[in-house]
N, C-alpha and C. Protein backbone atom coordinates (compact mmCIF):
# COMPACT_ATOMS: atom_id res chain seq x y z
N UNK A 1 0.85 -1.18 0.00
CA UNK A 1 0.00 0.00 0.00
C UNK A 1 0.89 1.24 0.00
N UNK A 2 0.66 2.19 -0.92
CA UNK A 2 1.51 3.38 -0.98
C UNK A 2 1.33 4.26 0.25
N UNK A 3 2.42 4.91 0.60
CA UNK A 3 2.37 5.81 1.75
C UNK A 3 1.57 7.06 1.40
N UNK A 4 0.91 7.59 2.41
CA UNK A 4 0.13 8.80 2.24
C UNK A 4 1.07 9.99 2.03
N UNK A 5 0.69 10.88 1.13
CA UNK A 5 1.48 12.07 0.87
C UNK A 5 1.41 13.01 2.08
N UNK A 6 2.56 13.50 2.52
CA UNK A 6 2.60 14.41 3.65
C UNK A 6 2.55 15.85 3.15
N UNK A 7 2.34 16.78 4.08
CA UNK A 7 2.34 18.19 3.72
C UNK A 7 3.68 18.60 3.14
N UNK A 8 4.75 18.10 3.72
CA UNK A 8 6.09 18.46 3.25
C UNK A 8 6.32 17.97 1.81
N UNK A 9 5.98 16.74 1.51
CA UNK A 9 6.17 16.25 0.15
C UNK A 9 5.31 17.03 -0.83
N UNK A 10 4.10 17.42 -0.41
CA UNK A 10 3.23 18.21 -1.30
C UNK A 10 3.82 19.59 -1.54
N UNK A 11 4.35 20.22 -0.48
CA UNK A 11 4.96 21.55 -0.64
C UNK A 11 6.19 21.48 -1.53
N UNK A 12 7.01 20.45 -1.36
CA UNK A 12 8.20 20.29 -2.21
C UNK A 12 7.77 20.04 -3.66
N UNK A 13 6.76 19.20 -3.85
CA UNK A 13 6.27 18.94 -5.21
C UNK A 13 5.75 20.22 -5.87
N UNK A 14 5.01 21.02 -5.11
CA UNK A 14 4.50 22.29 -5.66
C UNK A 14 5.64 23.25 -5.99
N UNK A 15 6.65 23.29 -5.15
CA UNK A 15 7.80 24.15 -5.40
C UNK A 15 8.55 23.70 -6.65
N UNK A 16 8.75 22.41 -6.79
CA UNK A 16 9.42 21.87 -7.97
C UNK A 16 8.61 22.18 -9.22
N UNK A 17 7.29 22.02 -9.14
CA UNK A 17 6.43 22.31 -10.29
C UNK A 17 6.56 23.77 -10.72
N UNK A 18 6.50 24.67 -9.78
CA UNK A 18 6.58 26.10 -10.11
C UNK A 18 7.95 26.46 -10.70
N UNK A 19 9.01 25.96 -10.10
CA UNK A 19 10.35 26.30 -10.57
C UNK A 19 10.65 25.67 -11.93
N UNK A 20 10.23 24.43 -12.14
CA UNK A 20 10.44 23.80 -13.45
C UNK A 20 9.64 24.51 -14.53
N UNK A 21 8.45 24.96 -14.20
CA UNK A 21 7.66 25.71 -15.18
C UNK A 21 8.38 26.99 -15.57
N UNK A 22 8.95 27.68 -14.59
CA UNK A 22 9.72 28.90 -14.89
C UNK A 22 10.96 28.58 -15.71
N UNK A 23 11.64 27.51 -15.38
CA UNK A 23 12.84 27.12 -16.13
C UNK A 23 12.47 26.82 -17.58
N UNK A 24 11.42 26.05 -17.79
CA UNK A 24 11.01 25.71 -19.16
C UNK A 24 10.59 26.96 -19.93
N UNK A 25 9.93 27.87 -19.26
CA UNK A 25 9.48 29.09 -19.91
C UNK A 25 10.65 29.97 -20.31
N UNK A 26 11.62 30.11 -19.42
CA UNK A 26 12.72 31.05 -19.65
C UNK A 26 13.92 30.45 -20.39
N UNK A 27 14.15 29.16 -20.25
CA UNK A 27 15.36 28.56 -20.78
C UNK A 27 15.16 27.84 -22.12
N UNK A 28 13.93 27.60 -22.53
CA UNK A 28 13.72 26.76 -23.71
C UNK A 28 13.67 27.54 -25.02
N UNK A 29 13.65 28.82 -25.00
CA UNK A 29 13.76 29.73 -26.16
C UNK A 29 13.29 29.15 -27.50
N UNK A 30 11.98 28.97 -27.62
CA UNK A 30 11.41 28.60 -28.91
C UNK A 30 11.52 27.13 -29.27
N UNK A 31 12.09 26.30 -28.42
CA UNK A 31 12.16 24.88 -28.73
C UNK A 31 10.82 24.23 -28.44
N UNK A 32 10.71 22.94 -28.76
CA UNK A 32 9.48 22.21 -28.50
C UNK A 32 9.18 22.12 -27.01
N UNK A 33 10.20 22.30 -26.18
CA UNK A 33 10.00 22.20 -24.74
C UNK A 33 9.13 23.33 -24.21
N UNK A 34 9.08 24.45 -24.93
CA UNK A 34 8.25 25.56 -24.49
C UNK A 34 6.76 25.26 -24.66
N UNK A 35 6.44 24.20 -25.42
CA UNK A 35 5.05 23.81 -25.62
C UNK A 35 4.55 22.87 -24.53
N UNK A 36 5.44 22.50 -23.61
CA UNK A 36 5.08 21.57 -22.54
C UNK A 36 4.54 22.33 -21.33
N UNK A 37 3.55 21.75 -20.68
CA UNK A 37 2.97 22.32 -19.47
C UNK A 37 3.06 21.27 -18.37
N UNK A 38 3.62 21.65 -17.24
CA UNK A 38 3.73 20.73 -16.12
C UNK A 38 2.40 20.75 -15.39
N UNK A 39 1.72 19.60 -15.37
CA UNK A 39 0.39 19.53 -14.77
C UNK A 39 0.42 19.04 -13.34
N UNK A 40 1.40 18.22 -13.00
CA UNK A 40 1.47 17.64 -11.65
C UNK A 40 2.88 17.15 -11.39
N UNK A 41 3.28 17.19 -10.13
CA UNK A 41 4.56 16.63 -9.70
C UNK A 41 4.30 15.73 -8.51
N UNK A 42 4.89 14.55 -8.56
CA UNK A 42 4.79 13.60 -7.45
C UNK A 42 6.22 13.32 -6.97
N UNK A 43 6.44 13.49 -5.67
CA UNK A 43 7.78 13.32 -5.10
C UNK A 43 7.77 12.11 -4.17
N UNK A 44 8.83 11.30 -4.24
CA UNK A 44 8.93 10.15 -3.35
C UNK A 44 9.13 10.63 -1.91
N UNK A 45 8.77 9.83 -0.93
CA UNK A 45 8.87 10.26 0.48
C UNK A 45 10.29 10.65 0.91
N UNK A 46 11.30 10.05 0.28
CA UNK A 46 12.69 10.40 0.64
C UNK A 46 13.26 11.50 -0.26
N UNK A 47 12.43 12.06 -1.12
CA UNK A 47 12.79 13.16 -2.03
C UNK A 47 13.88 12.80 -3.04
N UNK A 48 14.10 11.51 -3.28
CA UNK A 48 15.15 11.12 -4.22
C UNK A 48 14.65 11.07 -5.66
N UNK A 49 13.34 10.95 -5.84
CA UNK A 49 12.77 10.87 -7.19
C UNK A 49 11.54 11.77 -7.29
N UNK A 50 11.38 12.36 -8.46
CA UNK A 50 10.19 13.15 -8.74
C UNK A 50 9.65 12.74 -10.11
N UNK A 51 8.37 12.46 -10.15
CA UNK A 51 7.71 12.15 -11.41
C UNK A 51 6.97 13.40 -11.84
N UNK A 52 7.33 13.91 -13.01
CA UNK A 52 6.77 15.15 -13.53
C UNK A 52 5.77 14.80 -14.64
N UNK A 53 4.51 15.12 -14.43
CA UNK A 53 3.48 14.86 -15.43
C UNK A 53 3.36 16.09 -16.32
N UNK A 54 3.43 15.86 -17.63
CA UNK A 54 3.49 16.94 -18.60
C UNK A 54 2.43 16.76 -19.67
N UNK A 55 1.70 17.84 -19.96
CA UNK A 55 0.82 17.83 -21.13
C UNK A 55 1.50 18.67 -22.21
N UNK A 56 1.16 18.36 -23.45
CA UNK A 56 1.81 19.01 -24.58
C UNK A 56 0.74 19.61 -25.47
N UNK A 57 0.98 20.84 -25.90
CA UNK A 57 0.02 21.55 -26.74
C UNK A 57 -0.25 20.80 -28.04
N UNK A 58 0.80 20.35 -28.71
CA UNK A 58 0.66 19.60 -29.96
C UNK A 58 0.77 18.11 -29.64
N UNK A 59 -0.37 17.43 -29.60
CA UNK A 59 -0.40 16.01 -29.20
C UNK A 59 0.43 15.13 -30.13
N UNK A 60 0.61 15.54 -31.38
CA UNK A 60 1.39 14.75 -32.33
C UNK A 60 2.87 14.71 -31.96
N UNK A 61 3.36 15.73 -31.27
CA UNK A 61 4.76 15.80 -30.88
C UNK A 61 4.98 15.40 -29.42
N UNK A 62 3.97 14.86 -28.76
CA UNK A 62 4.06 14.56 -27.33
C UNK A 62 5.21 13.62 -27.01
N UNK A 63 5.34 12.55 -27.76
CA UNK A 63 6.40 11.58 -27.49
C UNK A 63 7.78 12.21 -27.64
N UNK A 64 7.93 13.03 -28.68
CA UNK A 64 9.21 13.70 -28.92
C UNK A 64 9.55 14.67 -27.80
N UNK A 65 8.56 15.40 -27.32
CA UNK A 65 8.78 16.38 -26.25
C UNK A 65 9.14 15.67 -24.94
N UNK A 66 8.44 14.59 -24.62
CA UNK A 66 8.73 13.84 -23.39
C UNK A 66 10.14 13.25 -23.46
N UNK A 67 10.52 12.71 -24.61
CA UNK A 67 11.87 12.17 -24.77
C UNK A 67 12.92 13.28 -24.59
N UNK A 68 12.66 14.45 -25.17
CA UNK A 68 13.59 15.57 -25.04
C UNK A 68 13.71 16.02 -23.59
N UNK A 69 12.60 16.07 -22.87
CA UNK A 69 12.62 16.46 -21.46
C UNK A 69 13.41 15.46 -20.64
N UNK A 70 13.23 14.16 -20.90
CA UNK A 70 13.98 13.15 -20.17
C UNK A 70 15.46 13.19 -20.50
N UNK A 71 15.80 13.53 -21.74
CA UNK A 71 17.21 13.69 -22.11
C UNK A 71 17.83 14.90 -21.40
N UNK A 72 17.04 15.93 -21.18
CA UNK A 72 17.51 17.16 -20.51
C UNK A 72 17.33 17.12 -18.99
N UNK A 73 16.90 15.99 -18.45
CA UNK A 73 16.56 15.95 -17.03
C UNK A 73 17.74 16.27 -16.12
N UNK A 74 18.95 15.86 -16.47
CA UNK A 74 20.11 16.19 -15.63
C UNK A 74 20.40 17.69 -15.64
N UNK A 75 20.29 18.31 -16.80
CA UNK A 75 20.48 19.75 -16.90
C UNK A 75 19.37 20.50 -16.14
N UNK A 76 18.13 20.04 -16.30
CA UNK A 76 17.01 20.66 -15.59
C UNK A 76 17.16 20.49 -14.08
N UNK A 77 17.67 19.34 -13.67
CA UNK A 77 17.91 19.11 -12.24
C UNK A 77 18.97 20.07 -11.71
N UNK A 78 20.01 20.29 -12.50
CA UNK A 78 21.07 21.23 -12.12
C UNK A 78 20.50 22.65 -11.98
N UNK A 79 19.70 23.08 -12.95
CA UNK A 79 19.08 24.41 -12.90
C UNK A 79 18.13 24.52 -11.71
N UNK A 80 17.42 23.44 -11.43
CA UNK A 80 16.51 23.41 -10.29
C UNK A 80 17.29 23.55 -8.97
N UNK A 81 18.43 22.90 -8.88
CA UNK A 81 19.25 22.96 -7.66
C UNK A 81 19.76 24.37 -7.40
N UNK A 82 19.95 25.14 -8.46
CA UNK A 82 20.40 26.53 -8.29
C UNK A 82 19.28 27.44 -7.79
N UNK A 83 18.03 27.01 -7.97
CA UNK A 83 16.89 27.86 -7.64
C UNK A 83 16.21 27.53 -6.32
N UNK A 84 16.30 26.29 -5.88
CA UNK A 84 15.64 25.91 -4.64
C UNK A 84 16.65 25.31 -3.66
N UNK A 85 16.37 25.46 -2.39
CA UNK A 85 17.26 24.95 -1.35
C UNK A 85 16.63 23.70 -0.74
N UNK A 86 17.19 22.55 -1.10
CA UNK A 86 16.79 21.28 -0.54
C UNK A 86 18.06 20.47 -0.29
N UNK A 87 18.02 19.62 0.71
CA UNK A 87 19.17 18.77 0.98
C UNK A 87 19.39 17.82 -0.19
N UNK A 88 18.31 17.28 -0.74
CA UNK A 88 18.37 16.35 -1.87
C UNK A 88 17.51 16.92 -2.99
N UNK A 89 18.12 17.08 -4.16
CA UNK A 89 17.36 17.46 -5.35
C UNK A 89 17.00 16.15 -6.05
N UNK A 90 15.72 15.88 -6.25
CA UNK A 90 15.33 14.57 -6.79
C UNK A 90 15.71 14.38 -8.26
N UNK A 91 15.90 13.10 -8.62
CA UNK A 91 16.03 12.76 -10.03
C UNK A 91 14.69 13.02 -10.69
N UNK A 92 14.71 13.56 -11.90
CA UNK A 92 13.48 13.94 -12.57
C UNK A 92 13.11 12.93 -13.65
N UNK A 93 11.88 12.48 -13.63
CA UNK A 93 11.36 11.58 -14.66
C UNK A 93 10.10 12.22 -15.22
N UNK A 94 10.11 12.50 -16.52
CA UNK A 94 8.98 13.15 -17.17
C UNK A 94 8.06 12.11 -17.79
N UNK A 95 6.75 12.29 -17.57
CA UNK A 95 5.74 11.35 -18.03
C UNK A 95 4.64 12.15 -18.73
N UNK A 96 4.14 11.62 -19.84
CA UNK A 96 3.07 12.28 -20.58
C UNK A 96 1.76 12.18 -19.80
N UNK A 97 1.07 13.30 -19.67
CA UNK A 97 -0.20 13.36 -18.97
C UNK A 97 -1.30 13.58 -20.01
N UNK A 98 -2.09 12.56 -20.24
CA UNK A 98 -3.13 12.65 -21.28
C UNK A 98 -4.52 12.92 -20.72
N UNK A 99 -4.61 13.41 -19.49
CA UNK A 99 -5.93 13.65 -18.90
C UNK A 99 -6.73 14.70 -19.67
N UNK A 100 -6.08 15.73 -20.17
CA UNK A 100 -6.80 16.76 -20.93
C UNK A 100 -7.36 16.17 -22.22
N UNK A 101 -6.56 15.36 -22.89
CA UNK A 101 -7.02 14.72 -24.12
C UNK A 101 -8.16 13.76 -23.83
N UNK A 102 -8.03 13.01 -22.74
CA UNK A 102 -9.08 12.08 -22.34
C UNK A 102 -10.37 12.83 -21.99
N UNK A 103 -10.23 13.95 -21.28
CA UNK A 103 -11.38 14.78 -20.94
C UNK A 103 -12.08 15.33 -22.17
N UNK A 104 -11.30 15.74 -23.16
CA UNK A 104 -11.87 16.24 -24.42
C UNK A 104 -12.66 15.14 -25.11
N UNK A 105 -12.10 13.94 -25.11
CA UNK A 105 -12.76 12.81 -25.76
C UNK A 105 -14.10 12.50 -25.07
N UNK A 106 -14.10 12.48 -23.74
CA UNK A 106 -15.33 12.22 -22.98
C UNK A 106 -16.36 13.31 -23.27
N UNK A 107 -15.90 14.57 -23.29
CA UNK A 107 -16.80 15.69 -23.56
C UNK A 107 -17.42 15.58 -24.96
N UNK A 108 -16.62 15.18 -25.94
CA UNK A 108 -17.15 15.04 -27.29
C UNK A 108 -18.16 13.89 -27.36
N UNK A 109 -17.92 12.81 -26.61
CA UNK A 109 -18.88 11.70 -26.57
C UNK A 109 -20.20 12.14 -25.94
N UNK A 110 -20.13 12.93 -24.87
CA UNK A 110 -21.34 13.44 -24.23
C UNK A 110 -22.09 14.36 -25.18
N UNK A 111 -21.38 15.26 -25.84
CA UNK A 111 -22.02 16.16 -26.81
C UNK A 111 -22.69 15.38 -27.93
N UNK A 112 -22.02 14.35 -28.41
CA UNK A 112 -22.59 13.52 -29.49
C UNK A 112 -23.84 12.80 -29.00
N UNK A 113 -23.79 12.26 -27.78
CA UNK A 113 -24.95 11.56 -27.22
C UNK A 113 -26.14 12.52 -27.03
N UNK A 114 -25.86 13.72 -26.58
CA UNK A 114 -26.94 14.71 -26.41
C UNK A 114 -27.53 15.11 -27.76
N UNK A 115 -26.66 15.25 -28.75
CA UNK A 115 -27.13 15.62 -30.09
C UNK A 115 -27.98 14.49 -30.68
N UNK A 116 -27.54 13.25 -30.50
CA UNK A 116 -28.29 12.10 -31.03
C UNK A 116 -29.63 11.92 -30.30
N UNK A 117 -29.63 12.29 -29.02
CA UNK A 117 -30.84 12.13 -28.22
C UNK A 117 -31.95 13.10 -28.67
N UNK A 118 -31.56 14.27 -29.13
CA UNK A 118 -32.54 15.29 -29.58
C UNK A 118 -33.02 14.89 -30.92
């Protein structure tokens, strides 16, 4: 059974999310990485790992963007360490977050069902 998230892990996750968003916004200068949005961060209880959930504006390039983010994870971790004060800066693992796409699909199915019902 997974451990319950504590206030401290949630605060660290929120801090990492905000700082990584700023880093991507300011450091990616027109690359595909600027099209990525960090939707959620999950941090392990010992702060050694962070799973970063990312949505991408262009769904066709999602795999490419996630691969690029994972390739840049060491550099992003270094930039993150310069911005936040933590004893341990977690290893970063970027994962595609398709909840927005899934939500759109569900919404379109509901709209279609309502249209067919009338």
